[in-house]
């Protein structure tokens, strides 16, 4: 993960925390600052982590609320971090090793296990969350360098992903951490399950899909072995996923329409209707965006124009 701007990597949290006030903000020092515990690129001492959820905290006027959420799933942009943080202490007391399969998340318990699926190539990998971050507005998870290599986006730097918590294993990790039964930086690995592709066909036309070489190549799982004991598999790629800027969600249709008209100067603005429980919402979106660089630029313009809660979404 690159230090492109203030507070876009976990390492800068310590400096920013000194400017914040209140009990919640001081939490940044605990779960954001990374103390040097090893040397870059070399084997690092392994420290025993502990179970942690943490108190609400604020970064650049945005509040984050850590919580146990064993039904968590989210689609968005992933990034990775490596050499600059190799050997530093993570938010739950472990030592960050860029060559192991770990991740940083803003609110999930630590440790917990998540499944990260690269929506561009279908690769799926399970990672242990042991750190806080990322705090760039359009990133939902930071993975270690090794994880980025196995997921296939190290060179690109970012990827469109879906992140799902592995509930049963995360609860088991919680109990083990509380009891002190997890060895220092022990890898708790559960092999990812292969999601079989679903072929749509009508009942009165049961003819199977022709098994041409091209079709077989797309449907066949490709397995990648890393240099440890985890397994990475290809799952069907979700080619219909697109990237948008969401400026906000409104209950009132008239308000949403006014916002849509205001934002049309930034690109194709439209309304997307959704329901949360029994409540109907009208989401104002711009896009789809063809590149992350373009999405980043539009997002910055929206935030500076008075839409601080604007964010990148992948649907």
C-alpha atoms as a PDB file:
ATOM      1  CA  UNK A   1       0.000   0.000   0.000  1.00  0.00           C
ATOM      2  CA  UNK A   2       1.455   3.317  -0.998  1.00  0.00           C
ATOM      3  CA  UNK A   3       1.720   6.552   0.997  1.00  0.00           C
ATOM      4  CA  UNK A   4      -0.057   8.755  -1.555  1.00  0.00           C
ATOM      5  CA  UNK A   5      -1.871  11.084   0.765  1.00  0.00           C
ATOM      6  CA  UNK A   6      -2.497  11.700   4.463  1.00  0.00           C
ATOM      7  CA  UNK A   7      -4.256   8.949   6.383  1.00  0.00           C
ATOM      8  CA  UNK A   8      -4.422   6.565   3.432  1.00  0.00           C
ATOM      9  CA  UNK A   9      -2.295   3.921   5.110  1.00  0.00           C
ATOM     10  CA  UNK A  10      -2.365   2.511   8.631  1.00  0.00           C
ATOM     11  CA  UNK A  11       1.114   3.858   9.360  1.00  0.00           C
ATOM     12  CA  UNK A  12      -0.011   7.504   9.365  1.00  0.00           C
ATOM     13  CA  UNK A  13      -2.705   6.999  11.982  1.00  0.00           C
ATOM     14  CA  UNK A  14      -0.332   7.640  14.872  1.00  0.00           C
ATOM     15  CA  UNK A  15       0.623  11.092  13.644  1.00  0.00           C
ATOM     16  CA  UNK A  16      -2.975  12.051  12.985  1.00  0.00           C
ATOM     17  CA  UNK A  17      -4.144  10.691  16.322  1.00  0.00           C
ATOM     18  CA  UNK A  18      -2.103  13.344  18.130  1.00  0.00           C
ATOM     19  CA  UNK A  19      -4.368  16.007  16.690  1.00  0.00           C
ATOM     20  CA  UNK A  20      -7.608  14.371  17.760  1.00  0.00           C
ATOM     21  CA  UNK A  21      -9.352  14.814  21.069  1.00  0.00           C
ATOM     22  CA  UNK A  22     -11.757  12.736  23.109  1.00  0.00           C
ATOM     23  CA  UNK A  23     -11.618   9.185  24.383  1.00  0.00           C
ATOM     24  CA  UNK A  24     -12.761   7.654  21.094  1.00  0.00           C
ATOM     25  CA  UNK A  25     -10.044   9.336  19.056  1.00  0.00           C
ATOM     26  CA  UNK A  26      -7.285   8.205  21.407  1.00  0.00           C
ATOM     27  CA  UNK A  27      -8.194   4.674  20.408  1.00  0.00           C
ATOM     28  CA  UNK A  28      -6.266   5.379  17.206  1.00  0.00           C
ATOM     29  CA  UNK A  29      -3.019   5.213  19.129  1.00  0.00           C
ATOM     30  CA  UNK A  30      -3.911   1.733  20.308  1.00  0.00           C
ATOM     31  CA  UNK A  31      -5.093   0.154  17.082  1.00  0.00           C
ATOM     32  CA  UNK A  32      -3.508   2.393  14.468  1.00  0.00           C
ATOM     33  CA  UNK A  33       0.077   3.075  15.477  1.00  0.00           C
ATOM     34  CA  UNK A  34       2.583   0.452  14.399  1.00  0.00           C
ATOM     35  CA  UNK A  35       5.742   0.077  16.452  1.00  0.00           C
ATOM     36  CA  UNK A  36       8.863  -1.224  14.766  1.00  0.00           C
ATOM     37  CA  UNK A  37       9.437  -4.861  15.740  1.00  0.00           C
ATOM     38  CA  UNK A  38      11.582  -6.178  12.893  1.00  0.00           C
ATOM     39  CA  UNK A  39      13.450  -5.312   9.736  1.00  0.00           C
ATOM     40  CA  UNK A  40      12.002  -4.815   6.277  1.00  0.00           C
ATOM     41  CA  UNK A  41      11.771  -7.945   4.141  1.00  0.00           C
ATOM     42  CA  UNK A  42      13.396 -10.249   6.688  1.00  0.00           C
ATOM     43  CA  UNK A  43      11.852 -12.827   9.029  1.00  0.00           C
ATOM     44  CA  UNK A  44      10.145 -11.039  11.909  1.00  0.00           C
ATOM     45  CA  UNK A  45       9.592 -12.126  15.508  1.00  0.00           C
ATOM     46  CA  UNK A  46       6.134 -13.578  15.961  1.00  0.00           C
ATOM     47  CA  UNK A  47       4.056 -12.154  18.772  1.00  0.00           C
ATOM     48  CA  UNK A  48       0.901 -13.543  20.313  1.00  0.00           C
ATOM     49  CA  UNK A  49      -2.138 -11.519  19.330  1.00  0.00           C
ATOM     50  CA  UNK A  50      -5.251 -11.022  21.422  1.00  0.00           C
ATOM     51  CA  UNK A  51      -8.966 -10.735  20.706  1.00  0.00           C
ATOM     52  CA  UNK A  52     -10.091  -7.180  20.093  1.00  0.00           C
ATOM     53  CA  UNK A  53     -13.123  -5.347  18.783  1.00  0.00           C
ATOM     54  CA  UNK A  54     -12.399  -1.809  19.976  1.00  0.00           C
ATOM     55  CA  UNK A  55     -14.318   1.410  20.592  1.00  0.00           C
ATOM     56  CA  UNK A  56     -15.754   3.728  17.911  1.00  0.00           C
ATOM     57  CA  UNK A  57     -13.117   6.024  16.434  1.00  0.00           C
ATOM     58  CA  UNK A  58     -12.917   8.915  13.986  1.00  0.00           C
ATOM     59  CA  UNK A  59     -10.674   9.521  10.977  1.00  0.00           C
ATOM     60  CA  UNK A  60     -11.040  12.828   9.089  1.00  0.00           C
ATOM     61  CA  UNK A  61     -14.582  13.400  10.358  1.00  0.00           C
ATOM     62  CA  UNK A  62     -15.656   9.865   9.508  1.00  0.00           C
ATOM     63  CA  UNK A  63     -16.689   7.627  12.397  1.00  0.00           C
ATOM     64  CA  UNK A  64     -16.058   3.890  12.376  1.00  0.00           C
ATOM     65  CA  UNK A  65     -17.890   1.485  14.665  1.00  0.00           C
ATOM     66  CA  UNK A  66     -16.074  -1.819  15.274  1.00  0.00           C
ATOM     67  CA  UNK A  67     -18.467  -4.650  16.083  1.00  0.00           C
ATOM     68  CA  UNK A  68     -18.926  -8.393  15.977  1.00  0.00           C
ATOM     69  CA  UNK A  69     -20.755  -8.962  12.714  1.00  0.00           C
ATOM     70  CA  UNK A  70     -20.738 -12.624  11.741  1.00  0.00           C
ATOM     71  CA  UNK A  71     -23.066 -11.984   8.787  1.00  0.00           C
ATOM     72  CA  UNK A  72     -20.790  -9.365   7.196  1.00  0.00           C
ATOM     73  CA  UNK A  73     -20.455  -9.204   3.418  1.00  0.00           C
ATOM     74  CA  UNK A  74     -19.404  -6.230   1.286  1.00  0.00           C
ATOM     75  CA  UNK A  75     -18.351  -5.539  -2.286  1.00  0.00           C
ATOM     76  CA  UNK A  76     -15.845  -2.820  -3.086  1.00  0.00           C
ATOM     77  CA  UNK A  77     -12.167  -2.045  -3.715  1.00  0.00           C
ATOM     78  CA  UNK A  78      -9.241  -3.850  -2.063  1.00  0.00           C
ATOM     79  CA  UNK A  79      -5.669  -2.608  -1.808  1.00  0.00           C
ATOM     80  CA  UNK A  80      -2.522  -4.106  -0.280  1.00  0.00           C
ATOM     81  CA  UNK A  81       0.324  -3.142   2.028  1.00  0.00           C
ATOM     82  CA  UNK A  82       3.769  -4.640   2.450  1.00  0.00           C
ATOM     83  CA  UNK A  83       7.412  -3.549   2.891  1.00  0.00           C
ATOM     84  CA  UNK A  84       6.794  -0.239   4.658  1.00  0.00           C
ATOM     85  CA  UNK A  85       4.922  -2.052   7.451  1.00  0.00           C
ATOM     86  CA  UNK A  86       6.775  -5.357   7.513  1.00  0.00           C
ATOM     87  CA  UNK A  87       7.724  -6.165  11.104  1.00  0.00           C
ATOM     88  CA  UNK A  88       5.454  -3.626  12.785  1.00  0.00           C
ATOM     89  CA  UNK A  89       2.864  -4.340  15.430  1.00  0.00           C
ATOM     90  CA  UNK A  90      -0.715  -4.752  14.223  1.00  0.00           C
ATOM     91  CA  UNK A  91      -3.854  -3.496  15.928  1.00  0.00           C
ATOM     92  CA  UNK A  92      -4.332  -6.691  17.948  1.00  0.00           C
ATOM     93  CA  UNK A  93      -0.706  -7.123  18.987  1.00  0.00           C
ATOM     94  CA  UNK A  94       0.578  -9.446  16.275  1.00  0.00           C
ATOM     95  CA  UNK A  95       3.602  -8.700  14.126  1.00  0.00           C
ATOM     96  CA  UNK A  96       2.757  -7.807  10.553  1.00  0.00           C
ATOM     97  CA  UNK A  97       4.460 -10.130   8.083  1.00  0.00           C
ATOM     98  CA  UNK A  98       3.807  -9.231   4.464  1.00  0.00           C
ATOM     99  CA  UNK A  99       4.543 -12.836   3.458  1.00  0.00           C
ATOM    100  CA  UNK A 100       1.648 -14.311   5.434  1.00  0.00           C
ATOM    101  CA  UNK A 101      -2.060 -14.311   4.635  1.00  0.00           C
ATOM    102  CA  UNK A 102      -3.527 -11.476   6.699  1.00  0.00           C
ATOM    103  CA  UNK A 103      -5.655  -8.369   6.185  1.00  0.00           C
ATOM    104  CA  UNK A 104      -6.670  -5.055   7.724  1.00  0.00           C
ATOM    105  CA  UNK A 105     -10.337  -4.115   8.115  1.00  0.00           C
ATOM    106  CA  UNK A 106     -11.945  -1.022   9.624  1.00  0.00           C
ATOM    107  CA  UNK A 107     -14.568  -2.660  11.860  1.00  0.00           C
ATOM    108  CA  UNK A 108     -14.408  -6.474  11.980  1.00  0.00           C
ATOM    109  CA  UNK A 109     -13.198  -8.253  15.127  1.00  0.00           C
ATOM    110  CA  UNK A 110      -9.556  -9.272  15.360  1.00  0.00           C
ATOM    111  CA  UNK A 111      -8.730 -11.995  14.759  1.00  0.00           C
ATOM    112  CA  UNK A 112     -11.442 -13.133  12.374  1.00  0.00           C
ATOM    113  CA  UNK A 113     -11.415 -14.985   9.078  1.00  0.00           C
ATOM    114  CA  UNK A 114     -12.692 -13.476   5.818  1.00  0.00           C
ATOM    115  CA  UNK A 115     -13.031 -14.820   2.317  1.00  0.00           C
ATOM    116  CA  UNK A 116     -11.828 -12.334  -0.319  1.00  0.00           C
ATOM    117  CA  UNK A 117     -12.933 -12.929  -3.917  1.00  0.00           C
ATOM    118  CA  UNK A 118     -11.275 -11.029  -6.750  1.00  0.00           C
ATOM    119  CA  UNK A 119     -14.210 -10.249  -9.037  1.00  0.00           C
ATOM    120  CA  UNK A 120     -11.932  -9.651 -12.030  1.00  0.00           C
ATOM    121  CA  UNK A 121     -10.351 -13.095 -12.162  1.00  0.00           C
ATOM    122  CA  UNK A 122     -12.431 -15.222  -9.795  1.00  0.00           C
ATOM    123  CA  UNK A 123      -9.617 -16.097  -7.395  1.00  0.00           C
ATOM    124  CA  UNK A 124     -10.741 -16.693  -3.806  1.00  0.00           C
ATOM    125  CA  UNK A 125      -8.613 -16.678  -0.664  1.00  0.00           C
ATOM    126  CA  UNK A 126      -9.226 -16.775   3.078  1.00  0.00           C
ATOM    127  CA  UNK A 127      -7.336 -14.248   5.213  1.00  0.00           C
ATOM    128  CA  UNK A 128      -7.004 -13.577   8.929  1.00  0.00           C
ATOM    129  CA  UNK A 129      -7.967 -10.018   9.920  1.00  0.00           C
ATOM    130  CA  UNK A 130      -5.486  -8.708  12.500  1.00  0.00           C
ATOM    131  CA  UNK A 131      -5.226  -4.970  11.805  1.00  0.00           C
ATOM    132  CA  UNK A 132      -7.239  -1.778  11.291  1.00  0.00           C
ATOM    133  CA  UNK A 133      -7.496   0.006   7.944  1.00  0.00           C
ATOM    134  CA  UNK A 134      -7.635   1.052   5.166  1.00  0.00           C
ATOM    135  CA  UNK A 135      -8.880   4.599   5.641  1.00  0.00           C
ATOM    136  CA  UNK A 136      -9.004   5.761   2.042  1.00  0.00           C
ATOM    137  CA  UNK A 137     -12.713   6.400   1.417  1.00  0.00           C
ATOM    138  CA  UNK A 138     -12.970   4.010  -1.482  1.00  0.00           C
ATOM    139  CA  UNK A 139     -11.177   0.944  -0.047  1.00  0.00           C
ATOM    140  CA  UNK A 140     -12.894  -1.719   2.047  1.00  0.00           C
ATOM    141  CA  UNK A 141      -9.945  -3.984   2.905  1.00  0.00           C
ATOM    142  CA  UNK A 142      -6.148  -4.031   2.866  1.00  0.00           C
ATOM    143  CA  UNK A 143      -4.463  -7.385   2.297  1.00  0.00           C
ATOM    144  CA  UNK A 144      -0.852  -8.437   2.775  1.00  0.00           C
ATOM    145  CA  UNK A 145       1.489  -8.433  -0.206  1.00  0.00           C
ATOM    146  CA  UNK A 146       1.448 -12.229  -0.377  1.00  0.00           C
ATOM    147  CA  UNK A 147      -2.353 -12.233  -0.438  1.00  0.00           C
ATOM    148  CA  UNK A 148      -2.326  -9.654  -3.248  1.00  0.00           C
ATOM    149  CA  UNK A 149       0.046 -11.864  -5.223  1.00  0.00           C
ATOM    150  CA  UNK A 150      -2.167 -14.918  -4.839  1.00  0.00           C
ATOM    151  CA  UNK A 151      -5.326 -12.955  -5.610  1.00  0.00           C
ATOM    152  CA  UNK A 152      -3.642 -11.610  -8.720  1.00  0.00           C
ATOM    153  CA  UNK A 153      -3.574  -7.837  -8.190  1.00  0.00           C
ATOM    154  CA  UNK A 154      -0.158  -7.028  -6.731  1.00  0.00           C
ATOM    155  CA  UNK A 155       0.990  -5.143  -9.837  1.00  0.00           C
ATOM    156  CA  UNK A 156      -2.302  -3.273 -10.275  1.00  0.00           C
ATOM    157  CA  UNK A 157      -2.367  -2.250  -6.606  1.00  0.00           C
ATOM    158  CA  UNK A 158      -6.142  -2.509  -6.272  1.00  0.00           C
ATOM    159  CA  UNK A 159      -8.929  -4.884  -7.259  1.00  0.00           C
ATOM    160  CA  UNK A 160     -12.699  -5.137  -7.176  1.00  0.00           C
ATOM    161  CA  UNK A 161     -13.522  -7.714  -4.538  1.00  0.00           C
ATOM    162  CA  UNK A 162     -16.249  -9.207  -2.417  1.00  0.00           C
ATOM    163  CA  UNK A 163     -15.395  -9.750   1.236  1.00  0.00           C
ATOM    164  CA  UNK A 164     -17.367 -12.242   3.332  1.00  0.00           C
ATOM    165  CA  UNK A 165     -16.734 -13.195   6.924  1.00  0.00           C
ATOM    166  CA  UNK A 166     -16.357 -16.930   7.571  1.00  0.00           C
ATOM    167  CA  UNK A 167     -18.666 -17.016  10.564  1.00  0.00           C
ATOM    168  CA  UNK A 168     -18.013 -20.412  12.157  1.00  0.00           C
ATOM    169  CA  UNK A 169     -14.237 -20.175  11.893  1.00  0.00           C
ATOM    170  CA  UNK A 170     -14.227 -16.559  13.090  1.00  0.00           C
ATOM    171  CA  UNK A 171     -16.180 -17.521  16.202  1.00  0.00           C
ATOM    172  CA  UNK A 172     -13.784 -20.394  16.840  1.00  0.00           C
ATOM    173  CA  UNK A 173     -10.822 -18.025  16.464  1.00  0.00           C
ATOM    174  CA  UNK A 174     -12.452 -15.645  18.940  1.00  0.00           C
ATOM    175  CA  UNK A 175     -12.754 -18.324  21.608  1.00  0.00           C
ATOM    176  CA  UNK A 176      -9.241 -19.588  20.978  1.00  0.00           C
ATOM    177  CA  UNK A 177      -7.784 -16.066  21.224  1.00  0.00           C
ATOM    178  CA  UNK A 178      -9.674 -15.295  24.435  1.00  0.00           C
ATOM    179  CA  UNK A 179      -8.400 -18.533  25.981  1.00  0.00           C
ATOM    180  CA  UNK A 180      -4.858 -17.847  24.808  1.00  0.00           C
ATOM    181  CA  UNK A 181      -4.836 -21.004  22.706  1.00  0.00           C
ATOM    182  CA  UNK A 182      -3.633 -19.402  19.470  1.00  0.00           C
ATOM    183  CA  UNK A 183       0.104 -19.675  19.054  1.00  0.00           C
ATOM    184  CA  UNK A 184       1.957 -16.475  18.057  1.00  0.00           C
ATOM    185  CA  UNK A 185       0.861 -15.602  14.520  1.00  0.00           C
ATOM    186  CA  UNK A 186      -0.374 -19.133  13.921  1.00  0.00           C
ATOM    187  CA  UNK A 187      -1.949 -19.644  10.521  1.00  0.00           C
ATOM    188  CA  UNK A 188      -5.502 -20.897  10.908  1.00  0.00           C
ATOM    189  CA  UNK A 189      -6.289 -21.966   7.375  1.00  0.00           C
ATOM    190  CA  UNK A 190      -9.542 -23.287   5.991  1.00  0.00           C
ATOM    191  CA  UNK A 191      -9.442 -24.132   2.307  1.00  0.00           C
ATOM    192  CA  UNK A 192     -11.846 -22.038   0.229  1.00  0.00           C
ATOM    193  CA  UNK A 193     -14.836 -23.872  -1.119  1.00  0.00           C
ATOM    194  CA  UNK A 194     -15.295 -23.967  -4.866  1.00  0.00           C
ATOM    195  CA  UNK A 195     -18.464 -22.280  -6.015  1.00  0.00           C
ATOM    196  CA  UNK A 196     -19.933 -24.263  -8.866  1.00  0.00           C
ATOM    197  CA  UNK A 197     -21.132 -22.148 -11.803  1.00  0.00           C
ATOM    198  CA  UNK A 198     -24.884 -22.058 -12.395  1.00  0.00           C
ATOM    199  CA  UNK A 199     -25.941 -22.542 -15.997  1.00  0.00           C
ATOM    200  CA  UNK A 200     -29.333 -20.995 -16.761  1.00  0.00           C
ATOM    201  CA  UNK A 201     -31.677 -22.901 -19.051  1.00  0.00           C
ATOM    202  CA  UNK A 202     -35.430 -23.213 -19.459  1.00  0.00           C
ATOM    203  CA  UNK A 203     -37.250 -26.345 -18.316  1.00  0.00           C
ATOM    204  CA  UNK A 204     -38.426 -27.191 -21.808  1.00  0.00           C
ATOM    205  CA  UNK A 205     -34.947 -26.765 -23.253  1.00  0.00           C
ATOM    206  CA  UNK A 206     -32.701 -28.941 -21.101  1.00  0.00           C
ATOM    207  CA  UNK A 207     -29.890 -29.064 -23.633  1.00  0.00           C
ATOM    208  CA  UNK A 208     -26.592 -28.707 -21.765  1.00  0.00           C
ATOM    209  CA  UNK A 209     -24.141 -25.978 -22.632  1.00  0.00           C
ATOM    210  CA  UNK A 210     -21.820 -27.132 -25.469  1.00  0.00           C
ATOM    211  CA  UNK A 211     -18.538 -28.266 -23.978  1.00  0.00           C
ATOM    212  CA  UNK A 212     -16.225 -26.368 -26.307  1.00  0.00           C
ATOM    213  CA  UNK A 213     -12.584 -25.884 -25.253  1.00  0.00           C
ATOM    214  CA  UNK A 214     -13.324 -22.234 -24.486  1.00  0.00           C
ATOM    215  CA  UNK A 215     -16.274 -23.103 -22.224  1.00  0.00           C
ATOM    216  CA  UNK A 216     -14.329 -25.831 -20.426  1.00  0.00           C
ATOM    217  CA  UNK A 217     -11.470 -23.422 -19.793  1.00  0.00           C
ATOM    218  CA  UNK A 218     -13.791 -20.822 -18.231  1.00  0.00           C
ATOM    219  CA  UNK A 219     -15.627 -23.300 -16.006  1.00  0.00           C
ATOM    220  CA  UNK A 220     -12.711 -25.382 -14.818  1.00  0.00           C
ATOM    221  CA  UNK A 221     -11.339 -24.484 -11.385  1.00  0.00           C
ATOM    222  CA  UNK A 222      -7.703 -23.465 -11.428  1.00  0.00           C
ATOM    223  CA  UNK A 223      -5.815 -24.178  -8.243  1.00  0.00           C
ATOM    224  CA  UNK A 224      -2.785 -22.209  -7.112  1.00  0.00           C
ATOM    225  CA  UNK A 225      -0.523 -23.455  -4.328  1.00  0.00           C
ATOM    226  CA  UNK A 226       1.370 -20.866  -2.386  1.00  0.00           C
ATOM    227  CA  UNK A 227       4.644 -21.470  -0.606  1.00  0.00           C
ATOM    228  CA  UNK A 228       2.905 -22.262   2.680  1.00  0.00           C
ATOM    229  CA  UNK A 229      -0.154 -24.404   3.198  1.00  0.00           C
ATOM    230  CA  UNK A 230      -3.061 -22.310   1.893  1.00  0.00           C
ATOM    231  CA  UNK A 231      -4.936 -23.036  -1.295  1.00  0.00           C
ATOM    232  CA  UNK A 232      -6.200 -20.470  -3.784  1.00  0.00           C
ATOM    233  CA  UNK A 233      -8.886 -21.448  -6.251  1.00  0.00           C
ATOM    234  CA  UNK A 234     -10.623 -19.794  -9.145  1.00  0.00           C
ATOM    235  CA  UNK A 235     -14.353 -19.325  -8.787  1.00  0.00           C
ATOM    236  CA  UNK A 236     -16.719 -18.143 -11.542  1.00  0.00           C
ATOM    237  CA  UNK A 237     -15.970 -14.512 -12.371  1.00  0.00           C
ATOM    238  CA  UNK A 238     -18.833 -12.078 -11.858  1.00  0.00           C
ATOM    239  CA  UNK A 239     -18.475 -10.148 -15.099  1.00  0.00           C
ATOM    240  CA  UNK A 240     -21.658  -8.159 -14.519  1.00  0.00           C
ATOM    241  CA  UNK A 241     -20.151  -6.239 -11.584  1.00  0.00           C
ATOM    242  CA  UNK A 242     -19.723  -2.524 -12.298  1.00  0.00           C
ATOM    243  CA  UNK A 243     -18.235   0.377 -10.361  1.00  0.00           C
ATOM    244  CA  UNK A 244     -20.220   3.489  -9.402  1.00  0.00           C
ATOM    245  CA  UNK A 245     -19.980   6.552  -7.192  1.00  0.00           C
ATOM    246  CA  UNK A 246     -22.847   6.651  -4.695  1.00  0.00           C
ATOM    247  CA  UNK A 247     -23.471  10.168  -3.429  1.00  0.00           C
ATOM    248  CA  UNK A 248     -26.176   9.212  -0.943  1.00  0.00           C
ATOM    249  CA  UNK A 249     -29.449   7.397  -0.282  1.00  0.00           C
ATOM    250  CA  UNK A 250     -32.719   9.263   0.290  1.00  0.00           C
ATOM    251  CA  UNK A 251     -36.165   8.294   1.493  1.00  0.00           C
ATOM    252  CA  UNK A 252     -37.804  11.176  -0.362  1.00  0.00           C
ATOM    253  CA  UNK A 253     -37.870  10.757  -4.137  1.00  0.00           C
ATOM    254  CA  UNK A 254     -38.004  14.526  -4.774  1.00  0.00           C
ATOM    255  CA  UNK A 255     -34.828  15.116  -2.722  1.00  0.00           C
ATOM    256  CA  UNK A 256     -33.057  12.306  -4.530  1.00  0.00           C
ATOM    257  CA  UNK A 257     -34.095  13.752  -7.888  1.00  0.00           C
ATOM    258  CA  UNK A 258     -32.746  17.195  -6.997  1.00  0.00           C
ATOM    259  CA  UNK A 259     -29.418  15.709  -5.953  1.00  0.00           C
ATOM    260  CA  UNK A 260     -29.282  13.658  -9.155  1.00  0.00           C
ATOM    261  CA  UNK A 261     -29.821  16.797 -11.249  1.00  0.00           C
ATOM    262  CA  UNK A 262     -27.089  18.620  -9.318  1.00  0.00           C
ATOM    263  CA  UNK A 263     -24.579  15.813  -9.836  1.00  0.00           C
ATOM    264  CA  UNK A 264     -25.233  15.294 -13.533  1.00  0.00           C
ATOM    265  CA  UNK A 265     -22.328  17.629 -14.321  1.00  0.00           C
ATOM    266  CA  UNK A 266     -19.932  15.013 -12.930  1.00  0.00           C
ATOM    267  CA  UNK A 267     -21.146  12.229 -15.200  1.00  0.00           C
ATOM    268  CA  UNK A 268     -24.201  10.058 -15.917  1.00  0.00           C
ATOM    269  CA  UNK A 269     -26.245  10.473 -12.710  1.00  0.00           C
ATOM    270  CA  UNK A 270     -29.242   8.259 -12.025  1.00  0.00           C
ATOM    271  CA  UNK A 271     -31.442   6.846  -9.281  1.00  0.00           C
ATOM    272  CA  UNK A 272     -31.312   3.284  -7.993  1.00  0.00           C
ATOM    273  CA  UNK A 273     -34.208   2.062  -5.870  1.00  0.00           C
ATOM    274  CA  UNK A 274     -33.589  -0.358  -3.007  1.00  0.00           C
ATOM    275  CA  UNK A 275     -35.182  -1.561   0.234  1.00  0.00           C
ATOM    276  CA  UNK A 276     -33.735  -1.949   3.708  1.00  0.00           C
ATOM    277  CA  UNK A 277     -36.279  -3.934   5.659  1.00  0.00           C
ATOM    278  CA  UNK A 278     -39.598  -2.316   4.784  1.00  0.00           C
ATOM    279  CA  UNK A 279     -38.093   1.104   4.052  1.00  0.00           C
ATOM    280  CA  UNK A 280     -37.605   2.162   0.436  1.00  0.00           C
ATOM    281  CA  UNK A 281     -34.540   4.254  -0.467  1.00  0.00           C
ATOM    282  CA  UNK A 282     -33.485   6.080  -3.609  1.00  0.00           C
ATOM    283  CA  UNK A 283     -29.734   5.908  -4.141  1.00  0.00           C
ATOM    284  CA  UNK A 284     -28.083   8.615  -6.238  1.00  0.00           C
ATOM    285  CA  UNK A 285     -25.286   7.165  -8.323  1.00  0.00           C
ATOM    286  CA  UNK A 286     -22.867   8.291 -11.010  1.00  0.00           C
ATOM    287  CA  UNK A 287     -21.431   5.865 -13.517  1.00  0.00           C
ATOM    288  CA  UNK A 288     -20.577   3.196 -14.271  1.00  0.00           C
ATOM    289  CA  UNK A 289     -16.916   4.126 -13.961  1.00  0.00           C
ATOM    290  CA  UNK A 290     -14.528   2.421 -16.352  1.00  0.00           C
ATOM    291  CA  UNK A 291     -11.381   2.837 -14.259  1.00  0.00           C
ATOM    292  CA  UNK A 292     -10.577   3.226 -10.589  1.00  0.00           C
ATOM    293  CA  UNK A 293      -8.496   6.315 -11.365  1.00  0.00           C
ATOM    294  CA  UNK A 294     -11.554   7.991 -12.877  1.00  0.00           C
ATOM    295  CA  UNK A 295     -13.690   6.912  -9.920  1.00  0.00           C
ATOM    296  CA  UNK A 296     -11.150   8.328  -7.460  1.00  0.00           C
ATOM    297  CA  UNK A 297     -11.142  11.666  -9.267  1.00  0.00           C
ATOM    298  CA  UNK A 298     -14.945  11.964  -9.348  1.00  0.00           C
ATOM    299  CA  UNK A 299     -15.172  10.899  -5.706  1.00  0.00           C
ATOM    300  CA  UNK A 300     -12.757  13.644  -4.638  1.00  0.00           C
ATOM    301  CA  UNK A 301     -14.789  16.246  -6.537  1.00  0.00           C
ATOM    302  CA  UNK A 302     -18.033  15.096  -4.907  1.00  0.00           C
ATOM    303  CA  UNK A 303     -16.564  15.171  -1.411  1.00  0.00           C
ATOM    304  CA  UNK A 304     -15.148  18.669  -1.938  1.00  0.00           C
ATOM    305  CA  UNK A 305     -18.538  19.777  -3.320  1.00  0.00           C
ATOM    306  CA  UNK A 306     -20.424  18.945  -0.143  1.00  0.00           C
ATOM    307  CA  UNK A 307     -21.067  15.202  -0.307  1.00  0.00           C
ATOM    308  CA  UNK A 308     -18.747  13.869   2.422  1.00  0.00           C
ATOM    309  CA  UNK A 309     -20.451  10.465   2.527  1.00  0.00           C
ATOM    310  CA  UNK A 310     -19.940   9.742  -1.160  1.00  0.00           C
ATOM    311  CA  UNK A 311     -18.200   6.440  -1.796  1.00  0.00           C
ATOM    312  CA  UNK A 312     -17.286   3.939  -4.485  1.00  0.00           C
ATOM    313  CA  UNK A 313     -19.545   0.907  -4.743  1.00  0.00           C
ATOM    314  CA  UNK A 314     -19.335  -2.217  -6.867  1.00  0.00           C
ATOM    315  CA  UNK A 315     -22.651  -3.815  -7.904  1.00  0.00           C
END
